[in-house]
Structure formats: structure tokens, C-alpha cells
Amino acid sequence: MLDDLFKERVDGKKPRQEGLTLTVDKLESFDRENFEILAAFIDQIKIYNTYPLLISNDLLQKRISYFHNFDIKVSTGSTLTEYAISENSLEKYIKECARMGFDIIEIGENNIDIDIEKKKKICNSILSADLTFNWKIGKKDPRHQIGIDNTILRIEEVIKVGAKKVILEANEGISVGIYDQNGSVIWNYVAALTAKYTPNTFIFEAPLPTQQSTLIAEFGQRVNLAEINIDNIASVESQRRGFLSKSSFGMSFSQKDIGGGPASKFIYYLIKTKNPIEQSDLIGITHLPRRTVQSAIEDLKNQGFIIERNSLDDSRRKVYYPVKSEWL
């Protein structure tokens, strides 16, 4: 329906490498007809906490198989993995996960600390069982956060042992990780992480709808999001394709005319129509001197018409987007 109004996905078909949406199965009932519609937008589903221990093997395998029918990868939760490690039962746990049909083992260090040598052994054991892993960084308790520097050190370690993407812990989205006591994004925290690694390195846990909207507005449809409630899957997918969400309503933006000379107005037009775009591309298209383009960009940034972000492909490069009023 109205396909010409819909923005195409960069990774439109599974298995996707970017723009991942991860949700959680808390063993609640759900409308199977609706799930069939939403399944196309779900890349991974995690069976929450230690819940796999509470149901029979037959029912667990049946549930995992149901998700596999929709090409959804199924993951354990990090709490269950930590429990297995603390009980010295990791090898048995990995074998059981493979036998049950899990695709991914999620690992975290919420209650335990794992040195890099042990991390290597854990990853090798998982891979040898033909499973993959997601490594989660951060603590659930708001009173015991690890800070930016420690977060970066832990990210470095798990990337060294083979993690392709890193999940950033958010728990309930309040006073944990990249979120403050109001659930708002701490942008200097995010900037410190994305200055060192490209944004597509991360899977941002974003349990609150406002966080989902903010991160999509910031990084675009290719941002990886986790802890998305099944009821919010359609909203997240709509926003990835350029549509508003309910969490955006009620936010206002007073549009004003662009100040400055013709160069600023011309540069804004190009950023608006060709975003994301780099400074070198603007120079190539306009044939304006570098200093003129740089001055126009700074002017537009100061006026609040454009934003500068790290490129998803190379964190050393800067790209420019127009500020979208519906996301402010």
C-alpha cells in the first residue's frame, strides 16, 4: 500500500547486518496472527532471564521452533549465562542450548567479572558448538554503574575476543548506561563511544519509546535496537522508514527562516535533499571554496538547521543531516 511513500530499508531482508530489532519473550501470551505480521521486522528474540529453566524441554523447543519458522534468531538471556558460569556449568549449558535450538548465547558481567583469557575460552566454546554470541556491557543496578572509561575498556576486550556487535545495557532505561535519571540519552556518553567505534558496532538497549525515537532520529534507520517490547515493534519499524511515532507527538518546533548568505541556503538545500552527505561531497557539488563550505556548515549548525554525526561506515568521517522538526 502506497509503496512510493515508504522509505526502503538498507537491509530490507533477513538476515540483516544493520538496523537490527531485538525483542524479549517473557513467556507471555501474544496474538499469533499479529505476530506473523510483526515477525518480518524482528531479527532476534531473547527468552528472558532464567525463564528457560521454568518450562519443560519439549515446550521450550516448541517455542524456539515457532520463532525459527519466521526466520527469527533465538537468544538466551545474559542472566542465565552468568548463572551457568558462576555454577561452573558453562560447557554443559552451551551443549544444552545447542540441543534446545538456541542460536545465540548472550553473555554479560552484571554480577561477575570475567578476565580476557576467560572471555576467549567462553567465546571459543560457544563457537565450537555452532552457536553465536552477543556480549552485553554494563550493570543493571543504577547504583553501580561502570562509567564511560570502563565501558570502553570492556568493549575493547570483547571485540578482541571476536564480538561483532556489543549490546549496551539499559535495564529499564532509567539511570543505567547511556540514560540519565529521566530516561534521556546522555549524549556525551554516546559521543565518547561513537568517537572510538562506529555506531553500528553497538546494539542499544532502548526499552522506552522516547529512547527508540531519539536513537532512530540520531543515527537513522540503520541503528541497532534491543529490548523493544513486541507492542512497539511496528512503531519502531515505521520510524526506521521515516514516519512519526506517538512518542514524537506533542513535541514542538518553531521553524524559522535560514539566516546568512546564499551559500548557507544552498548548502542547506543540498544537505536536506542528499543527506547524509560529507563536506567533501558538498565541495565537489558546489565548486565553492572549502572555507566557504565550512563557514556555511558552522552557520547552519549554530542556527540549529543541521546536525553533524559520525559516519556509520567510518567514525573518522563526519556527515550532515537536516534537523527534522518532528523528532525534536
Protein backbone atom coordinates (compact mmCIF):
# COMPACT_ATOMS: atom_id res chain seq x y z
CA MET A 1 0.00 0.00 0.00
CA LEU A 2 1.37 3.42 -1.03
CA ASP A 3 4.79 1.92 -1.63
CA ASP A 4 6.06 5.16 -3.18
CA LEU A 5 5.62 6.93 0.20
CA PHE A 6 7.60 4.31 2.10
CA LYS A 7 11.35 4.61 2.61
CA GLU A 8 13.18 1.42 1.64
CA ARG A 9 15.26 -0.35 4.27
CA VAL A 10 19.02 -0.54 3.75
CA ASP A 11 18.88 -4.16 4.90
CA GLY A 12 15.36 -5.00 3.84
CA LYS A 13 15.57 -8.76 4.23
CA LYS A 14 16.81 -11.02 6.97
CA PRO A 15 19.44 -11.87 7.97
CA ARG A 16 20.16 -8.15 8.40
CA GLN A 17 23.56 -6.79 9.36
CA GLU A 18 22.30 -3.32 10.30
CA GLY A 19 19.06 -1.89 11.56
CA LEU A 20 18.53 -4.87 13.87
CA THR A 21 15.48 -5.03 16.11
CA LEU A 22 15.72 -7.29 19.16
CA THR A 23 12.77 -8.10 21.36
CA VAL A 24 12.18 -10.17 24.50
CA ASP A 25 9.99 -13.19 25.16
CA LYS A 26 8.78 -13.17 28.77
CA LEU A 27 6.63 -16.25 28.15
CA GLU A 28 3.54 -14.09 27.92
CA SER A 29 0.73 -14.96 25.56
CA PHE A 30 0.57 -12.99 22.32
CA ASP A 31 -1.71 -12.74 19.34
CA ARG A 32 -0.19 -15.17 16.83
CA GLU A 33 -1.87 -13.54 13.85
CA ASN A 34 -0.38 -10.17 14.79
CA PHE A 35 2.99 -11.77 15.50
CA GLU A 36 3.01 -13.19 11.98
CA ILE A 37 2.77 -9.61 10.67
CA LEU A 38 5.43 -8.24 13.03
CA ALA A 39 7.87 -11.13 12.59
CA ALA A 40 9.32 -9.64 9.40
CA PHE A 41 10.65 -6.73 11.49
CA ILE A 42 12.14 -8.84 14.32
CA ASP A 43 15.70 -10.08 13.92
CA GLN A 44 16.32 -11.68 17.31
CA ILE A 45 14.19 -12.65 20.27
CA LYS A 46 15.61 -13.32 23.71
CA ILE A 47 13.93 -15.71 26.12
CA TYR A 48 14.05 -13.59 29.23
CA ASN A 49 16.17 -14.10 32.34
CA THR A 50 16.24 -17.67 33.67
CA TYR A 51 12.78 -18.47 32.25
CA PRO A 52 14.07 -21.36 30.09
CA LEU A 53 14.63 -23.25 33.36
CA LEU A 54 10.97 -22.94 34.27
CA ILE A 55 9.43 -24.85 31.37
CA SER A 56 9.85 -28.35 30.03
CA ASN A 57 12.38 -29.09 27.30
CA ASP A 58 9.61 -30.07 24.89
CA LEU A 59 7.74 -26.78 25.36
CA LEU A 60 10.96 -24.76 25.13
CA GLN A 61 11.96 -26.47 21.87
CA LYS A 62 8.44 -25.94 20.51
CA ARG A 63 8.59 -22.22 21.32
CA ILE A 64 12.04 -21.80 19.76
CA SER A 65 10.90 -23.67 16.66
CA TYR A 66 7.90 -21.34 16.37
CA PHE A 67 10.22 -18.32 16.19
CA HIS A 68 12.50 -20.10 13.72
CA ASN A 69 9.53 -20.50 11.39
CA PHE A 70 9.64 -16.72 10.96
CA ASP A 71 13.41 -16.61 10.45
CA ILE A 72 13.97 -15.08 13.90
CA LYS A 73 17.17 -15.95 15.76
CA VAL A 74 16.61 -17.01 19.38
CA SER A 75 18.91 -15.97 22.21
CA THR A 76 19.36 -16.82 25.86
CA GLY A 77 19.50 -14.01 28.40
CA SER A 78 22.76 -12.94 29.98
CA THR A 79 21.43 -13.66 33.47
CA LEU A 80 21.10 -17.35 32.67
CA THR A 81 24.61 -17.44 31.18
CA GLU A 82 26.08 -15.72 34.22
CA TYR A 83 24.34 -18.27 36.44
CA ALA A 84 25.86 -21.15 34.44
CA ILE A 85 29.33 -19.58 34.66
CA SER A 86 29.05 -19.00 38.42
CA GLU A 87 27.96 -22.62 38.89
CA ASN A 88 30.91 -23.90 36.79
CA SER A 89 28.45 -25.44 34.34
CA LEU A 90 29.21 -23.42 31.22
CA GLU A 91 30.15 -26.33 28.94
CA LYS A 92 27.03 -28.28 29.88
CA TYR A 93 24.94 -25.13 29.46
CA ILE A 94 26.29 -24.49 25.96
CA LYS A 95 25.55 -28.06 24.90
CA GLU A 96 22.02 -27.84 26.28
CA CYS A 97 21.42 -24.52 24.49
CA ALA A 98 22.52 -26.08 21.21
CA ARG A 99 20.31 -29.10 21.80
CA MET A 100 17.26 -26.93 22.59
CA GLY A 101 17.73 -25.00 19.34
CA PHE A 102 19.06 -21.65 20.58
CA ASP A 103 21.07 -19.70 18.02
CA ILE A 104 22.71 -17.12 20.28
CA ILE A 105 24.08 -17.08 23.81
CA GLU A 106 24.02 -13.67 25.47
CA ILE A 107 26.85 -13.03 27.91
CA GLY A 108 27.12 -10.25 30.46
CA GLU A 109 29.08 -9.23 33.53
CA ASN A 110 26.35 -7.82 35.71
CA ASN A 111 27.15 -9.98 38.74
CA ILE A 112 30.55 -11.38 37.78
CA ASP A 113 33.80 -10.10 36.25
CA ILE A 114 35.46 -12.13 33.52
CA ASP A 115 39.09 -11.58 32.52
CA ILE A 116 40.02 -11.52 28.86
CA GLU A 117 41.52 -15.03 28.83
CA LYS A 118 38.32 -16.50 30.21
CA LYS A 119 36.34 -14.42 27.71
CA LYS A 120 38.32 -16.07 24.91
CA LYS A 121 37.60 -19.55 26.26
CA ILE A 122 33.88 -18.79 26.61
CA CYS A 123 33.63 -17.46 23.05
CA ASN A 124 35.57 -20.40 21.61
CA SER A 125 33.33 -22.86 23.44
CA ILE A 126 30.21 -21.18 22.09
CA LEU A 127 31.51 -21.04 18.52
CA SER A 128 32.64 -24.68 18.65
CA ALA A 129 29.01 -25.64 19.36
CA ASP A 130 27.93 -23.82 16.15
CA LEU A 131 26.30 -21.05 18.18
CA THR A 132 27.00 -17.34 18.12
CA PHE A 133 27.14 -14.88 20.99
CA ASN A 134 26.03 -11.39 21.97
CA TRP A 135 28.16 -9.71 24.62
CA LYS A 136 26.42 -7.19 26.85
CA ILE A 137 28.33 -4.37 28.54
CA GLY A 138 27.12 -2.63 31.69
CA LYS A 139 25.48 -3.12 35.06
CA LYS A 140 21.74 -3.25 35.71
CA ASP A 141 21.85 -1.53 39.11
CA PRO A 142 21.78 2.29 38.80
CA ARG A 143 23.89 2.49 41.97
CA HIS A 144 26.76 0.51 40.46
CA GLN A 145 27.43 1.92 37.01
CA ILE A 146 30.85 1.36 35.44
CA GLY A 147 31.36 4.74 33.73
CA ILE A 148 32.49 5.71 30.25
CA ASP A 149 36.18 4.77 30.51
CA ASN A 150 35.48 1.32 31.97
CA THR A 151 32.77 0.76 29.38
CA ILE A 152 35.23 1.49 26.57
CA LEU A 153 37.83 -0.86 28.10
CA ARG A 154 35.28 -3.68 28.27
CA ILE A 155 34.14 -3.03 24.72
CA GLU A 156 37.75 -3.28 23.56
CA GLU A 157 38.14 -6.63 25.30
CA VAL A 158 35.03 -8.25 23.84
CA ILE A 159 35.85 -7.00 20.34
CA LYS A 160 39.31 -8.55 20.72
CA VAL A 161 37.73 -11.91 21.51
CA GLY A 162 35.53 -11.77 18.43
CA ALA A 163 32.34 -9.87 19.23
CA LYS A 164 30.88 -8.41 16.04
CA LYS A 165 28.41 -6.20 17.90
CA VAL A 166 28.15 -5.12 21.52
CA ILE A 167 24.91 -4.72 23.46
CA LEU A 168 24.79 -1.71 25.79
CA GLU A 169 22.90 -2.49 29.00
CA ALA A 170 19.92 -0.28 29.84
CA ASN A 171 17.83 -2.46 32.17
CA GLU A 172 14.58 -0.47 32.50
CA GLY A 173 16.02 2.61 30.80
CA ILE A 174 16.47 4.81 33.88
CA SER A 175 19.88 5.84 35.32
CA VAL A 176 21.67 2.98 33.57
CA GLY A 177 24.30 3.12 30.83
CA ILE A 178 23.67 5.89 28.31
CA TYR A 179 20.46 7.05 30.03
CA ASP A 180 20.03 9.55 32.87
CA GLN A 181 17.55 9.58 35.75
CA ASN A 182 14.81 10.81 33.41
CA GLY A 183 15.47 8.17 30.77
CA SER A 184 17.04 10.75 28.43
CA VAL A 185 20.15 9.95 26.40
CA ILE A 186 23.43 11.19 27.89
CA TRP A 187 24.90 12.46 24.64
CA ASN A 188 28.48 12.95 25.83
CA TYR A 189 28.46 9.26 26.83
CA VAL A 190 27.23 8.25 23.38
CA ALA A 191 29.70 10.63 21.71
CA ALA A 192 32.60 9.06 23.60
CA LEU A 193 31.58 5.60 22.40
CA THR A 194 30.89 6.56 18.78
CA ALA A 195 34.10 8.58 18.57
CA LYS A 196 36.00 5.32 19.06
CA TYR A 197 33.67 2.86 17.31
CA THR A 198 31.18 3.27 14.50
CA PRO A 199 27.57 3.35 15.76
CA ASN A 200 26.75 0.07 14.00
CA THR A 201 29.18 -1.63 16.45
CA PHE A 202 26.50 -1.24 19.10
CA ILE A 203 23.10 -2.67 19.84
CA PHE A 204 21.48 -0.03 22.03
CA GLU A 205 19.01 -1.33 24.58
CA ALA A 206 16.12 1.15 24.39
CA PRO A 207 13.15 -0.07 26.44
CA LEU A 208 11.30 3.27 26.41
CA PRO A 209 9.55 4.55 23.25
CA THR A 210 11.15 8.00 23.59
CA GLN A 211 14.59 6.37 23.61
CA GLN A 212 13.76 4.42 20.48
CA SER A 213 12.60 7.60 18.72
CA THR A 214 15.66 9.55 19.85
CA LEU A 215 18.18 6.94 18.69
CA ILE A 216 16.49 6.48 15.31
CA ALA A 217 16.42 10.26 14.87
CA GLU A 218 20.10 10.42 15.78
CA PHE A 219 21.51 7.50 13.80
CA GLY A 220 18.84 6.74 11.21
CA GLN A 221 17.19 3.50 10.20
CA ARG A 222 20.44 1.53 10.45
CA VAL A 223 20.68 1.84 14.25
CA ASN A 224 20.50 -1.46 16.15
CA LEU A 225 17.95 -1.52 18.98
CA ALA A 226 17.23 -4.08 21.71
CA GLU A 227 14.69 -4.61 24.49
CA ILE A 228 11.89 -3.47 22.19
CA ASN A 229 8.51 -4.53 23.52
CA ILE A 230 6.53 -6.53 20.97
CA ASP A 231 3.79 -3.89 21.15
CA ASN A 232 6.33 -1.29 19.92
CA ILE A 233 7.79 -3.29 17.02
CA ALA A 234 5.52 -1.71 14.38
CA SER A 235 6.23 1.78 15.74
CA VAL A 236 10.00 1.23 15.57
CA GLU A 237 9.80 -0.11 12.02
CA SER A 238 7.63 2.84 10.96
CA GLN A 239 10.17 5.28 12.35
CA ARG A 240 13.01 3.46 10.59
CA ARG A 241 11.11 4.18 7.37
CA GLY A 242 10.58 7.84 8.12
CA PHE A 243 7.21 8.00 9.86
CA LEU A 244 6.33 9.58 13.19
CA SER A 245 5.72 7.67 16.39
CA LYS A 246 3.32 8.51 19.21
CA SER A 247 6.30 9.46 21.37
CA SER A 248 7.09 12.25 18.89
CA PHE A 249 3.66 13.85 19.19
CA GLY A 250 3.40 16.85 21.46
CA MET A 251 6.97 17.94 20.73
CA SER A 252 7.08 21.31 19.04
CA PHE A 253 9.49 23.06 16.75
CA SER A 254 9.21 26.63 15.61
CA GLN A 255 10.53 26.80 12.07
CA LYS A 256 12.41 29.97 11.17
CA ASP A 257 13.98 31.31 8.03
CA ILE A 258 17.60 30.44 7.33
CA GLY A 259 19.91 33.31 8.12
CA GLY A 260 23.15 34.04 6.32
CA GLY A 261 24.10 34.43 2.72
CA PRO A 262 23.26 32.44 -0.42
CA ALA A 263 25.99 29.87 0.30
CA SER A 264 24.35 28.82 3.57
CA LYS A 265 20.96 28.47 1.90
CA PHE A 266 22.44 26.48 -0.98
CA ILE A 267 24.39 24.17 1.37
CA TYR A 268 21.25 23.61 3.45
CA TYR A 269 19.28 22.68 0.32
CA LEU A 270 21.92 20.08 -0.62
CA ILE A 271 22.06 18.61 2.90
CA LYS A 272 18.27 18.45 3.00
CA THR A 273 17.99 16.67 -0.35
CA LYS A 274 21.11 14.48 -0.34
CA ASN A 275 21.64 13.54 3.32
CA PRO A 276 23.67 12.05 4.76
CA ILE A 277 26.41 13.95 2.96
CA GLU A 278 30.06 14.71 3.71
CA GLN A 279 31.80 18.06 3.48
CA SER A 280 33.98 16.85 0.59
CA ASP A 281 30.85 15.95 -1.39
CA LEU A 282 29.38 19.41 -0.76
CA ILE A 283 32.59 20.99 -2.05
CA GLY A 284 32.55 18.75 -5.12
CA ILE A 285 28.93 19.51 -5.97
CA THR A 286 29.02 23.28 -5.37
CA HIS A 287 32.61 24.01 -6.51
CA LEU A 288 32.74 26.50 -3.65
CA PRO A 289 35.99 27.07 -1.72
CA ARG A 290 36.47 24.76 1.27
CA ARG A 291 36.46 27.74 3.66
CA THR A 292 33.09 28.92 2.32
CA VAL A 293 31.52 25.47 2.74
CA GLN A 294 32.97 25.10 6.24
CA SER A 295 31.64 28.53 7.20
CA ALA A 296 28.17 27.68 5.85
CA ILE A 297 28.12 24.39 7.75
CA GLU A 298 29.09 26.07 11.03
CA ASP A 299 26.47 28.77 10.43
CA LEU A 300 23.73 26.17 9.82
CA LYS A 301 24.78 24.17 12.88
CA ASN A 302 24.68 27.28 15.07
CA GLN A 303 21.22 28.15 13.76
CA GLY A 304 20.00 24.65 14.56
CA PHE A 305 19.19 23.60 10.99
CA ILE A 306 21.65 20.74 10.57
CA ILE A 307 23.37 18.16 12.76
CA GLU A 308 26.83 16.65 12.42
CA ARG A 309 27.25 12.95 13.10
CA ASN A 310 29.93 10.28 12.79
CA SER A 311 29.52 8.21 9.66
CA LEU A 312 28.04 4.76 10.27
CA ASP A 313 30.72 3.36 7.96
CA ASP A 314 33.76 5.21 9.29
CA SER A 315 33.79 7.06 12.64
CA ARG A 316 36.59 9.33 11.38
CA ARG A 317 34.29 10.87 8.80
CA LYS A 318 31.57 13.41 9.51
CA VAL A 319 28.24 13.50 7.73
CA TYR A 320 25.45 16.07 7.85
CA TYR A 321 21.69 15.76 8.21
CA PRO A 322 18.91 18.32 8.32
CA VAL A 323 17.22 18.70 11.68
CA LYS A 324 13.83 17.03 11.37
CA SER A 325 11.23 19.03 13.26
CA GLU A 326 9.06 16.03 14.04
CA TRP A 327 11.93 14.47 16.01
CA LEU A 328 12.73 17.46 18.23
